[in-house]
Amino acid sequence: MPTECPQGRSATGPLRSLLQFSALLLLGGLLVALGVILGDYASWYFAWIVGTAMIVLVSAAALAWLDAQEAARGRLGAKPPRNRARP
């Protein structure tokens, strides 16, 4: 039986997602390796894998940063900044 997190979410959810992501990443890596071995487009496959990994990592870092900012703002009781473009 899964334990409950303080937010009410299942504790197995993030772990399951991580395992699924890892399995798909491994499968993708194997397919790319097979494509490199069978074809002569190794540079294209390498650039695609590196670029995709960078996009995912930058997106995850931005999401973590935004989450940390919102948590800090909530602890301080501050309101979000107003749009200064409006008069």
C-alpha atoms as a PDB file:
ATOM      1  CA  MET A   1       0.000   0.000   0.000  1.00  0.00           C
ATOM      2  CA  PRO A   2       1.560   3.350  -1.014  1.00  0.00           C
ATOM      3  CA  THR A   3       2.249   5.844   1.721  1.00  0.00           C
ATOM      4  CA  GLU A   4       0.773   9.303   1.507  1.00  0.00           C
ATOM      5  CA  CYS A   5       2.896  12.408   1.107  1.00  0.00           C
ATOM      6  CA  PRO A   6       2.043  15.585   3.039  1.00  0.00           C
ATOM      7  CA  GLN A   7       0.470  17.050  -0.111  1.00  0.00           C
ATOM      8  CA  GLY A   8      -1.830  14.013  -0.415  1.00  0.00           C
ATOM      9  CA  ARG A   9      -0.043  12.525  -3.421  1.00  0.00           C
ATOM     10  CA  SER A  10       1.119   8.942  -3.605  1.00  0.00           C
ATOM     11  CA  ALA A  11       4.787   8.468  -2.726  1.00  0.00           C
ATOM     12  CA  THR A  12       5.209   5.925  -5.523  1.00  0.00           C
ATOM     13  CA  GLY A  13       4.174   8.350  -8.291  1.00  0.00           C
ATOM     14  CA  PRO A  14       7.502  10.171  -8.750  1.00  0.00           C
ATOM     15  CA  LEU A  15       9.488   6.949  -8.428  1.00  0.00           C
ATOM     16  CA  ARG A  16       7.349   5.223 -11.026  1.00  0.00           C
ATOM     17  CA  SER A  17       7.728   8.174 -13.394  1.00  0.00           C
ATOM     18  CA  LEU A  18      11.492   8.137 -12.893  1.00  0.00           C
ATOM     19  CA  LEU A  19      11.646   4.409 -13.629  1.00  0.00           C
ATOM     20  CA  GLN A  20       9.535   4.819 -16.754  1.00  0.00           C
ATOM     21  CA  PHE A  21      11.696   7.711 -17.942  1.00  0.00           C
ATOM     22  CA  SER A  22      14.859   5.696 -17.278  1.00  0.00           C
ATOM     23  CA  ALA A  23      13.529   2.698 -19.194  1.00  0.00           C
ATOM     24  CA  LEU A  24      12.543   4.840 -22.172  1.00  0.00           C
ATOM     25  CA  LEU A  25      15.888   6.632 -22.093  1.00  0.00           C
ATOM     26  CA  LEU A  26      17.698   3.280 -22.118  1.00  0.00           C
ATOM     27  CA  LEU A  27      15.543   2.059 -24.992  1.00  0.00           C
ATOM     28  CA  GLY A  28      16.198   5.261 -26.935  1.00  0.00           C
ATOM     29  CA  GLY A  29      19.927   4.960 -26.316  1.00  0.00           C
ATOM     30  CA  LEU A  30      19.938   1.374 -27.554  1.00  0.00           C
ATOM     31  CA  LEU A  31      18.034   2.343 -30.679  1.00  0.00           C
ATOM     32  CA  VAL A  32      20.420   5.205 -31.379  1.00  0.00           C
ATOM     33  CA  ALA A  33      23.405   2.908 -30.844  1.00  0.00           C
ATOM     34  CA  LEU A  34      21.878   0.440 -33.294  1.00  0.00           C
ATOM     35  CA  GLY A  35      21.335   3.246 -35.792  1.00  0.00           C
ATOM     36  CA  VAL A  36      24.942   4.391 -35.419  1.00  0.00           C
ATOM     37  CA  ILE A  37      26.248   0.872 -35.920  1.00  0.00           C
ATOM     38  CA  LEU A  38      24.056   0.224 -38.966  1.00  0.00           C
ATOM     39  CA  GLY A  39      24.252   3.683 -40.517  1.00  0.00           C
ATOM     40  CA  ASP A  40      26.752   6.422 -41.144  1.00  0.00           C
ATOM     41  CA  TYR A  41      24.820   9.293 -39.545  1.00  0.00           C
ATOM     42  CA  ALA A  42      26.485   9.073 -36.128  1.00  0.00           C
ATOM     43  CA  SER A  43      27.009  12.831 -35.793  1.00  0.00           C
ATOM     44  CA  TRP A  44      23.334  13.562 -36.331  1.00  0.00           C
ATOM     45  CA  TYR A  45      22.229  10.994 -33.740  1.00  0.00           C
ATOM     46  CA  PHE A  46      24.755  12.229 -31.204  1.00  0.00           C
ATOM     47  CA  ALA A  47      23.673  15.862 -31.625  1.00  0.00           C
ATOM     48  CA  TRP A  48      20.013  14.882 -31.315  1.00  0.00           C
ATOM     49  CA  ILE A  49      20.565  12.951 -28.081  1.00  0.00           C
ATOM     50  CA  VAL A  50      22.739  15.670 -26.517  1.00  0.00           C
ATOM     51  CA  GLY A  51      20.312  18.416 -27.569  1.00  0.00           C
ATOM     52  CA  THR A  52      17.281  16.568 -26.238  1.00  0.00           C
ATOM     53  CA  ALA A  53      19.003  15.838 -22.942  1.00  0.00           C
ATOM     54  CA  MET A  54      19.988  19.502 -22.571  1.00  0.00           C
ATOM     55  CA  ILE A  55      16.435  20.698 -23.256  1.00  0.00           C
ATOM     56  CA  VAL A  56      15.067  18.301 -20.636  1.00  0.00           C
ATOM     57  CA  LEU A  57      17.685  19.281 -18.051  1.00  0.00           C
ATOM     58  CA  VAL A  58      17.243  23.029 -18.580  1.00  0.00           C
ATOM     59  CA  SER A  59      13.455  22.657 -18.381  1.00  0.00           C
ATOM     60  CA  ALA A  60      13.707  20.648 -15.155  1.00  0.00           C
ATOM     61  CA  ALA A  61      16.088  23.206 -13.639  1.00  0.00           C
ATOM     62  CA  ALA A  62      13.761  26.077 -14.577  1.00  0.00           C
ATOM     63  CA  LEU A  63      10.791  24.254 -13.056  1.00  0.00           C
ATOM     64  CA  ALA A  64      12.708  23.584  -9.830  1.00  0.00           C
ATOM     65  CA  TRP A  65      13.792  27.234  -9.683  1.00  0.00           C
ATOM     66  CA  LEU A  66      10.215  28.450 -10.201  1.00  0.00           C
ATOM     67  CA  ASP A  67       8.951  26.054  -7.533  1.00  0.00           C
ATOM     68  CA  ALA A  68      11.581  27.292  -5.071  1.00  0.00           C
ATOM     69  CA  GLN A  69      10.644  30.923  -5.794  1.00  0.00           C
ATOM     70  CA  GLU A  70       6.951  30.236  -5.220  1.00  0.00           C
ATOM     71  CA  ALA A  71       7.703  28.372  -1.993  1.00  0.00           C
ATOM     72  CA  ALA A  72       9.852  31.250  -0.718  1.00  0.00           C
ATOM     73  CA  ARG A  73       7.189  33.758  -1.714  1.00  0.00           C
ATOM     74  CA  GLY A  74       4.573  31.701   0.146  1.00  0.00           C
ATOM     75  CA  ARG A  75       6.717  31.512   3.291  1.00  0.00           C
ATOM     76  CA  LEU A  76       7.230  35.275   3.298  1.00  0.00           C
ATOM     77  CA  GLY A  77       3.596  36.005   2.573  1.00  0.00           C
ATOM     78  CA  ALA A  78       4.568  38.207  -0.364  1.00  0.00           C
ATOM     79  CA  LYS A  79       2.259  38.809  -3.286  1.00  0.00           C
ATOM     80  CA  PRO A  80       3.455  38.282  -6.866  1.00  0.00           C
ATOM     81  CA  PRO A  81       4.900  41.399  -8.488  1.00  0.00           C
ATOM     82  CA  ARG A  82       2.399  43.531 -10.378  1.00  0.00           C
ATOM     83  CA  ASN A  83       2.747  44.212 -14.076  1.00  0.00           C
ATOM     84  CA  ARG A  84       4.321  47.666 -14.311  1.00  0.00           C
ATOM     85  CA  ALA A  85       3.284  48.165 -17.932  1.00  0.00           C
ATOM     86  CA  ARG A  86      -0.261  48.981 -16.858  1.00  0.00           C
ATOM     87  CA  PRO A  87      -0.950  52.571 -15.744  1.00  0.00           C
END
